[in-house]
N, C-alpha and C. Protein backbone atom coordinates (compact mmCIF):
# COMPACT_ATOMS: atom_id res chain seq x y z
N MET A 1 27.62 11.33 -0.73
CA MET A 1 26.28 11.56 -1.26
C MET A 1 26.30 10.92 -2.70
N MET A 2 25.25 10.21 -2.95
CA MET A 2 25.08 9.51 -4.22
C MET A 2 24.79 10.48 -5.31
N LYS A 3 25.22 10.22 -6.52
CA LYS A 3 25.07 11.09 -7.70
C LYS A 3 23.62 10.66 -8.29
N GLU A 4 22.83 11.77 -8.40
CA GLU A 4 21.50 11.59 -9.00
C GLU A 4 21.64 11.34 -10.51
N LEU A 5 21.00 10.32 -11.02
CA LEU A 5 21.04 9.98 -12.47
C LEU A 5 19.82 10.57 -13.22
N ASN A 6 18.68 10.53 -12.57
CA ASN A 6 17.46 10.90 -13.25
C ASN A 6 16.40 11.11 -12.20
N ARG A 7 15.32 11.80 -12.56
CA ARG A 7 14.12 11.93 -11.73
C ARG A 7 12.90 12.11 -12.56
N MET A 8 11.77 11.84 -11.99
CA MET A 8 10.48 12.01 -12.70
C MET A 8 9.38 12.16 -11.66
N CYS A 9 8.28 12.86 -12.05
CA CYS A 9 7.22 13.09 -11.20
C CYS A 9 5.97 13.04 -12.15
N MET A 10 4.91 12.48 -11.61
CA MET A 10 3.61 12.46 -12.35
C MET A 10 2.47 12.43 -11.34
N GLU A 11 1.38 12.90 -11.75
CA GLU A 11 0.16 12.82 -10.96
C GLU A 11 -0.95 12.15 -11.80
N PHE A 12 -1.84 11.44 -11.15
CA PHE A 12 -2.89 10.76 -11.84
C PHE A 12 -4.07 10.64 -10.97
N PRO A 13 -5.26 10.50 -11.52
CA PRO A 13 -6.52 10.38 -10.73
C PRO A 13 -6.43 9.14 -9.83
N ALA A 14 -7.02 9.25 -8.59
CA ALA A 14 -6.94 8.04 -7.67
C ALA A 14 -8.03 7.11 -8.21
N LYS A 15 -7.79 6.38 -9.21
CA LYS A 15 -8.66 5.40 -9.76
C LYS A 15 -7.95 4.04 -9.87
N SER A 16 -8.61 2.98 -9.53
CA SER A 16 -7.93 1.70 -9.57
C SER A 16 -7.30 1.28 -10.84
N CYS A 17 -7.79 1.81 -11.94
CA CYS A 17 -7.23 1.43 -13.26
C CYS A 17 -5.79 2.03 -13.41
N ASN A 18 -5.45 2.96 -12.56
CA ASN A 18 -4.09 3.62 -12.65
C ASN A 18 -3.01 2.97 -11.71
N GLU A 19 -3.40 1.96 -10.97
CA GLU A 19 -2.48 1.19 -10.05
C GLU A 19 -1.44 0.49 -10.94
N GLY A 20 -1.94 -0.26 -11.96
CA GLY A 20 -1.04 -1.02 -12.84
C GLY A 20 -0.10 -0.09 -13.70
N PHE A 21 -0.76 1.05 -14.09
CA PHE A 21 0.00 2.01 -14.79
C PHE A 21 1.19 2.56 -13.99
N ALA A 22 0.94 2.95 -12.74
CA ALA A 22 1.99 3.44 -11.88
C ALA A 22 3.06 2.43 -11.68
N ARG A 23 2.67 1.17 -11.36
CA ARG A 23 3.62 0.14 -11.16
C ARG A 23 4.55 -0.05 -12.43
N SER A 24 3.94 -0.06 -13.62
CA SER A 24 4.75 -0.19 -14.83
C SER A 24 5.69 0.96 -15.10
N VAL A 25 5.18 2.19 -14.88
CA VAL A 25 6.05 3.37 -15.02
C VAL A 25 7.27 3.29 -14.17
N VAL A 26 7.10 2.99 -12.90
CA VAL A 26 8.22 2.95 -12.02
C VAL A 26 9.19 1.81 -12.41
N ALA A 27 8.69 0.70 -12.81
CA ALA A 27 9.58 -0.37 -13.22
C ALA A 27 10.30 0.03 -14.47
N ALA A 28 9.69 0.64 -15.45
CA ALA A 28 10.33 1.06 -16.66
C ALA A 28 11.42 2.13 -16.35
N PHE A 29 11.10 2.98 -15.42
CA PHE A 29 12.01 4.04 -15.02
C PHE A 29 13.26 3.42 -14.40
N ALA A 30 13.07 2.41 -13.55
CA ALA A 30 14.18 1.70 -12.81
C ALA A 30 15.04 0.95 -13.75
N THR A 31 14.63 0.49 -14.90
CA THR A 31 15.43 -0.32 -15.76
C THR A 31 16.65 0.38 -16.32
N GLN A 32 16.67 1.74 -16.18
CA GLN A 32 17.80 2.49 -16.62
C GLN A 32 19.09 2.03 -15.99
N ILE A 33 19.03 1.43 -14.77
CA ILE A 33 20.22 1.02 -14.04
C ILE A 33 20.37 -0.47 -14.05
N ASP A 34 19.57 -1.18 -14.84
CA ASP A 34 19.73 -2.56 -15.08
C ASP A 34 19.58 -3.47 -13.89
N PRO A 35 18.46 -3.29 -13.07
CA PRO A 35 18.37 -4.14 -11.84
C PRO A 35 18.04 -5.63 -12.20
N ARG A 36 18.22 -6.51 -11.31
CA ARG A 36 17.84 -7.89 -11.44
C ARG A 36 16.39 -7.96 -11.58
N PHE A 37 15.87 -9.01 -12.27
CA PHE A 37 14.39 -9.26 -12.50
C PHE A 37 13.67 -9.34 -11.11
N ASP A 38 14.20 -10.11 -10.19
CA ASP A 38 13.56 -10.35 -8.94
C ASP A 38 13.51 -9.06 -8.07
N GLU A 39 14.50 -8.23 -8.25
CA GLU A 39 14.48 -6.88 -7.54
C GLU A 39 13.47 -5.99 -8.14
N LEU A 40 13.36 -6.01 -9.39
CA LEU A 40 12.30 -5.27 -10.18
C LEU A 40 10.95 -5.65 -9.81
N SER A 41 10.77 -6.94 -9.65
CA SER A 41 9.47 -7.55 -9.23
C SER A 41 9.12 -7.05 -7.88
N ASP A 42 10.10 -7.11 -6.95
CA ASP A 42 9.82 -6.60 -5.55
C ASP A 42 9.37 -5.09 -5.59
N LEU A 43 10.12 -4.28 -6.44
CA LEU A 43 9.79 -2.83 -6.54
C LEU A 43 8.32 -2.73 -7.01
N ARG A 44 7.95 -3.41 -8.03
CA ARG A 44 6.61 -3.32 -8.63
C ARG A 44 5.59 -3.66 -7.63
N THR A 45 5.85 -4.72 -6.72
CA THR A 45 4.96 -5.08 -5.70
C THR A 45 4.69 -3.95 -4.64
N ALA A 46 5.88 -3.42 -4.17
CA ALA A 46 5.77 -2.32 -3.26
C ALA A 46 5.05 -1.10 -3.68
N VAL A 47 5.35 -0.73 -4.93
CA VAL A 47 4.68 0.43 -5.64
C VAL A 47 3.20 0.18 -5.72
N SER A 48 2.88 -1.04 -6.17
CA SER A 48 1.50 -1.46 -6.30
C SER A 48 0.74 -1.21 -4.98
N GLU A 49 1.33 -1.72 -3.90
CA GLU A 49 0.65 -1.61 -2.55
C GLU A 49 0.52 -0.11 -2.17
N GLY A 50 1.55 0.66 -2.37
CA GLY A 50 1.56 2.04 -2.00
C GLY A 50 0.42 2.89 -2.74
N VAL A 51 0.35 2.70 -4.08
CA VAL A 51 -0.57 3.31 -4.82
C VAL A 51 -2.01 2.81 -4.55
N THR A 52 -2.13 1.47 -4.36
CA THR A 52 -3.47 0.95 -4.01
C THR A 52 -3.95 1.57 -2.66
N ASN A 53 -3.02 1.58 -1.60
CA ASN A 53 -3.45 2.23 -0.42
C ASN A 53 -3.96 3.58 -0.56
N ALA A 54 -3.29 4.44 -1.38
CA ALA A 54 -3.70 5.74 -1.62
C ALA A 54 -5.06 5.75 -2.27
N ILE A 55 -5.30 4.95 -3.20
CA ILE A 55 -6.54 4.93 -4.05
C ILE A 55 -7.69 4.45 -3.17
N VAL A 56 -7.50 3.40 -2.39
CA VAL A 56 -8.56 2.82 -1.66
C VAL A 56 -8.89 3.60 -0.39
N HIS A 57 -7.89 4.04 0.36
CA HIS A 57 -8.11 4.66 1.67
C HIS A 57 -8.14 6.16 1.69
N ALA A 58 -7.38 6.83 0.93
CA ALA A 58 -7.25 8.31 1.04
C ALA A 58 -8.52 9.03 0.79
N TYR A 59 -9.35 8.57 -0.16
CA TYR A 59 -10.49 9.37 -0.57
C TYR A 59 -11.80 8.64 -0.31
N SER A 60 -11.83 7.62 0.47
CA SER A 60 -12.97 6.79 0.74
C SER A 60 -14.23 7.58 1.12
N ASP A 61 -14.05 8.69 1.86
CA ASP A 61 -15.23 9.34 2.31
C ASP A 61 -15.29 10.79 1.79
N GLN A 62 -14.63 11.00 0.67
CA GLN A 62 -14.61 12.38 0.03
C GLN A 62 -15.13 12.38 -1.34
N THR A 63 -15.73 13.43 -1.75
CA THR A 63 -16.20 13.58 -3.14
C THR A 63 -15.91 15.00 -3.58
N GLY A 64 -15.55 15.14 -4.85
CA GLY A 64 -15.25 16.43 -5.39
C GLY A 64 -13.91 17.09 -4.91
N GLU A 65 -13.23 16.31 -4.19
CA GLU A 65 -11.86 16.89 -3.67
C GLU A 65 -10.82 16.65 -4.87
N ARG A 66 -9.55 17.12 -4.52
CA ARG A 66 -8.48 16.83 -5.42
C ARG A 66 -8.07 15.42 -5.27
N GLN A 67 -8.74 14.51 -5.93
CA GLN A 67 -8.43 13.05 -5.69
C GLN A 67 -7.36 12.58 -6.69
N LEU A 68 -6.15 12.91 -6.29
CA LEU A 68 -4.95 12.60 -7.07
C LEU A 68 -3.98 11.82 -6.27
N VAL A 69 -3.17 11.13 -7.04
CA VAL A 69 -1.95 10.47 -6.38
C VAL A 69 -0.72 11.00 -7.15
N ARG A 70 0.23 11.43 -6.47
CA ARG A 70 1.47 11.87 -6.95
C ARG A 70 2.57 10.88 -6.77
N LEU A 71 3.35 10.62 -7.79
CA LEU A 71 4.38 9.57 -7.80
C LEU A 71 5.70 10.30 -8.15
N GLU A 72 6.60 10.33 -7.32
CA GLU A 72 7.93 10.89 -7.56
C GLU A 72 9.06 9.84 -7.42
N CYS A 73 9.92 9.83 -8.35
CA CYS A 73 11.06 8.85 -8.31
C CYS A 73 12.39 9.58 -8.59
N VAL A 74 13.36 9.17 -7.82
CA VAL A 74 14.71 9.63 -8.04
C VAL A 74 15.65 8.45 -8.21
N LEU A 75 16.43 8.43 -9.31
CA LEU A 75 17.24 7.28 -9.56
C LEU A 75 18.71 7.60 -9.34
N TYR A 76 19.37 6.68 -8.70
CA TYR A 76 20.78 6.82 -8.36
C TYR A 76 21.50 5.55 -9.07
N PRO A 77 22.80 5.47 -9.03
CA PRO A 77 23.59 4.42 -9.65
C PRO A 77 23.01 2.99 -9.26
N ASP A 78 22.65 2.83 -8.02
CA ASP A 78 22.14 1.45 -7.66
C ASP A 78 20.91 1.52 -6.78
N THR A 79 20.19 2.65 -6.78
CA THR A 79 19.06 2.87 -5.81
C THR A 79 18.03 3.67 -6.57
N ILE A 80 16.80 3.37 -6.13
CA ILE A 80 15.62 4.21 -6.50
C ILE A 80 14.86 4.66 -5.23
N GLU A 81 14.46 5.85 -5.26
CA GLU A 81 13.70 6.46 -4.12
C GLU A 81 12.35 6.85 -4.73
N ILE A 82 11.33 6.45 -4.12
CA ILE A 82 9.93 6.68 -4.54
C ILE A 82 9.12 7.31 -3.42
N THR A 83 8.44 8.37 -3.84
CA THR A 83 7.55 8.99 -2.88
C THR A 83 6.11 8.98 -3.53
N ILE A 84 5.13 8.31 -2.77
CA ILE A 84 3.75 8.25 -3.14
C ILE A 84 2.97 9.13 -2.26
N THR A 85 2.34 10.16 -2.81
CA THR A 85 1.61 11.17 -2.07
C THR A 85 0.15 11.15 -2.47
N ASP A 86 -0.76 11.24 -1.46
CA ASP A 86 -2.11 11.48 -1.72
C ASP A 86 -2.48 12.71 -0.89
N PHE A 87 -3.67 13.35 -1.26
CA PHE A 87 -4.07 14.54 -0.73
C PHE A 87 -5.43 14.32 0.04
N GLY A 88 -5.58 13.16 0.56
CA GLY A 88 -6.87 12.78 1.11
C GLY A 88 -6.98 12.96 2.57
N LYS A 89 -7.72 12.06 3.26
CA LYS A 89 -8.05 12.29 4.67
C LYS A 89 -6.91 11.96 5.61
N GLY A 90 -5.80 11.39 5.22
CA GLY A 90 -4.73 11.23 6.21
C GLY A 90 -4.96 10.05 7.06
N ILE A 91 -3.98 9.74 7.86
CA ILE A 91 -4.04 8.62 8.80
C ILE A 91 -3.98 9.20 10.23
N GLU A 92 -4.96 8.78 11.01
CA GLU A 92 -5.02 9.24 12.35
C GLU A 92 -3.78 8.73 13.22
N ASP A 93 -3.48 7.42 13.11
CA ASP A 93 -2.46 6.79 13.92
C ASP A 93 -1.58 5.95 12.95
N VAL A 94 -0.51 6.54 12.51
CA VAL A 94 0.43 5.80 11.56
C VAL A 94 0.93 4.54 12.17
N GLN A 95 1.35 4.49 13.40
CA GLN A 95 1.88 3.32 13.97
C GLN A 95 0.82 2.18 13.96
N GLN A 96 -0.44 2.49 14.23
CA GLN A 96 -1.46 1.49 14.26
C GLN A 96 -1.65 1.00 12.77
N ALA A 97 -1.71 1.93 11.92
CA ALA A 97 -1.91 1.57 10.47
C ALA A 97 -0.84 0.67 9.89
N ARG A 98 0.37 0.78 10.56
CA ARG A 98 1.51 -0.03 10.04
C ARG A 98 1.52 -1.47 10.56
N GLU A 99 0.59 -1.68 11.60
CA GLU A 99 0.50 -3.08 12.22
C GLU A 99 -0.08 -4.03 11.17
N PRO A 100 0.58 -5.21 11.08
CA PRO A 100 0.01 -6.26 10.10
C PRO A 100 -1.45 -6.53 10.45
N LEU A 101 -2.19 -6.70 9.39
CA LEU A 101 -3.64 -7.11 9.48
C LEU A 101 -4.54 -5.92 9.93
N TYR A 102 -4.03 -4.75 10.19
CA TYR A 102 -4.87 -3.60 10.51
C TYR A 102 -5.47 -3.03 9.25
N THR A 103 -6.71 -2.78 9.16
CA THR A 103 -7.36 -2.25 8.00
C THR A 103 -8.56 -1.31 8.41
N THR A 104 -8.72 -0.32 7.63
CA THR A 104 -9.87 0.65 7.87
C THR A 104 -11.01 0.29 6.92
N ALA A 105 -10.79 -0.80 6.15
CA ALA A 105 -11.76 -1.17 5.06
C ALA A 105 -12.14 -2.63 5.14
N PRO A 106 -12.48 -3.17 6.32
CA PRO A 106 -12.74 -4.65 6.32
C PRO A 106 -13.92 -5.07 5.44
N GLU A 107 -14.84 -4.14 5.20
CA GLU A 107 -16.02 -4.47 4.37
C GLU A 107 -15.56 -4.65 2.92
N MET A 108 -14.43 -4.15 2.52
CA MET A 108 -13.90 -4.33 1.22
C MET A 108 -12.95 -5.51 1.13
N GLU A 109 -12.89 -6.25 2.10
CA GLU A 109 -12.03 -7.44 2.22
C GLU A 109 -10.60 -7.11 2.01
N ARG A 110 -10.16 -5.99 2.65
CA ARG A 110 -8.75 -5.60 2.59
C ARG A 110 -7.99 -6.34 3.56
N SER A 111 -6.75 -6.78 3.30
CA SER A 111 -6.01 -7.67 4.17
C SER A 111 -5.28 -6.89 5.29
N GLY A 112 -5.05 -5.65 5.17
CA GLY A 112 -4.34 -4.87 6.18
C GLY A 112 -2.83 -5.22 6.12
N MET A 113 -2.35 -5.60 4.96
CA MET A 113 -0.96 -5.95 4.84
C MET A 113 -0.11 -4.99 3.93
N GLY A 114 -0.77 -3.88 3.53
CA GLY A 114 -0.14 -2.93 2.54
C GLY A 114 1.25 -2.45 3.02
N PHE A 115 1.24 -1.83 4.19
CA PHE A 115 2.54 -1.29 4.78
C PHE A 115 3.48 -2.41 4.99
N THR A 116 3.06 -3.62 5.53
CA THR A 116 3.93 -4.67 5.77
C THR A 116 4.64 -5.17 4.48
N ILE A 117 3.81 -5.23 3.37
CA ILE A 117 4.36 -5.63 2.15
C ILE A 117 5.41 -4.65 1.61
N MET A 118 5.01 -3.34 1.62
CA MET A 118 5.92 -2.34 1.18
C MET A 118 7.23 -2.39 1.94
N GLU A 119 7.18 -2.60 3.26
CA GLU A 119 8.39 -2.63 4.07
C GLU A 119 9.19 -3.91 3.72
N THR A 120 8.56 -5.00 3.45
CA THR A 120 9.23 -6.26 3.14
C THR A 120 9.98 -6.19 1.82
N PHE A 121 9.38 -5.53 0.84
CA PHE A 121 9.99 -5.57 -0.56
C PHE A 121 10.90 -4.34 -0.82
N THR A 122 11.15 -3.54 0.18
CA THR A 122 12.05 -2.42 -0.09
C THR A 122 13.08 -2.43 1.02
N ASP A 123 14.09 -1.52 0.93
CA ASP A 123 15.12 -1.45 1.96
C ASP A 123 14.79 -0.37 3.04
N ASP A 124 13.93 0.57 2.71
CA ASP A 124 13.53 1.58 3.68
C ASP A 124 12.10 1.99 3.32
N MET A 125 11.27 2.30 4.42
CA MET A 125 9.95 2.86 4.20
C MET A 125 9.70 3.80 5.32
N PHE A 126 9.27 4.97 4.96
CA PHE A 126 8.82 5.99 5.97
C PHE A 126 7.40 6.46 5.56
N VAL A 127 6.59 6.81 6.54
CA VAL A 127 5.25 7.22 6.35
C VAL A 127 5.09 8.59 7.11
N GLU A 128 4.59 9.57 6.39
CA GLU A 128 4.19 10.85 7.00
C GLU A 128 2.76 11.04 6.64
N SER A 129 1.93 11.41 7.66
CA SER A 129 0.50 11.68 7.39
C SER A 129 -0.02 12.72 8.37
N LYS A 130 -0.91 13.55 7.84
CA LYS A 130 -1.62 14.53 8.68
C LYS A 130 -3.08 14.47 8.45
N PRO A 131 -3.89 14.17 9.44
CA PRO A 131 -5.33 13.99 9.22
C PRO A 131 -5.84 15.26 8.46
N GLY A 132 -6.66 15.05 7.51
CA GLY A 132 -7.29 16.01 6.62
C GLY A 132 -6.29 16.60 5.56
N GLN A 133 -5.05 16.23 5.59
CA GLN A 133 -4.12 16.76 4.59
C GLN A 133 -3.40 15.72 3.72
N GLY A 134 -3.53 14.47 4.03
CA GLY A 134 -3.01 13.44 3.17
C GLY A 134 -1.84 12.67 3.68
N THR A 135 -1.27 11.83 2.89
CA THR A 135 -0.23 10.89 3.33
C THR A 135 0.87 10.85 2.28
N LYS A 136 2.18 10.77 2.73
CA LYS A 136 3.23 10.44 1.99
C LYS A 136 3.95 9.17 2.41
N VAL A 137 4.26 8.29 1.45
CA VAL A 137 4.92 7.04 1.70
C VAL A 137 6.25 7.18 0.87
N PHE A 138 7.41 7.05 1.58
CA PHE A 138 8.68 7.12 0.99
C PHE A 138 9.29 5.69 0.99
N LEU A 139 9.69 5.24 -0.20
CA LEU A 139 10.29 3.89 -0.33
C LEU A 139 11.63 4.06 -0.95
N ARG A 140 12.56 3.24 -0.40
CA ARG A 140 13.92 3.18 -1.11
C ARG A 140 14.28 1.74 -1.34
N LYS A 141 14.73 1.43 -2.53
CA LYS A 141 15.09 0.09 -2.99
C LYS A 141 16.51 0.23 -3.47
N VAL A 142 17.45 -0.57 -2.88
CA VAL A 142 18.86 -0.69 -3.36
C VAL A 142 18.95 -1.88 -4.28
N PHE A 143 19.52 -1.81 -5.42
CA PHE A 143 19.65 -2.85 -6.41
C PHE A 143 21.04 -3.40 -6.46
N SER A 144 21.13 -4.68 -6.78
CA SER A 144 22.45 -5.35 -7.03
C SER A 144 22.68 -5.17 -8.55
N VAL A 145 22.95 -4.05 -9.02
CA VAL A 145 23.06 -3.79 -10.48
C VAL A 145 24.19 -4.65 -11.04
N HIS A 146 24.02 -5.16 -12.26
CA HIS A 146 25.00 -5.96 -12.87
C HIS A 146 25.34 -5.46 -14.28
N LYS A 147 26.01 -4.35 -14.30
CA LYS A 147 26.38 -3.76 -15.60
C LYS A 147 27.79 -4.26 -15.98
């Protein structure tokens, strides 16, 4: 079992202006273990996609609900684990949603590549979702730390 070095949790409103904030916070948190620049860039891309998915899709047909995104990170000597949670409408068919080019928002010119990008830029990705209750995306990135 890996030794946990640090952890953090934050919640923020599901607003597009917070996507860059979330990406920067995770990158800054991960710098504690001195990852390579390209690995940090991959992590930022994956987190950006996960948070954007939550902001764009989770609350698209809701008003007045708890429109928050929760971001949790656990840091290990060479790994970061990230959980992005929304409390929105959930995903009816997770397998279908994970298919490249599948989107529920074609009118917004969404590419349907969010899950594919997250999976490409991390070492592990898991998605849990319950219709009407929200979605959790778990990402794990292993770094080639050079201390």
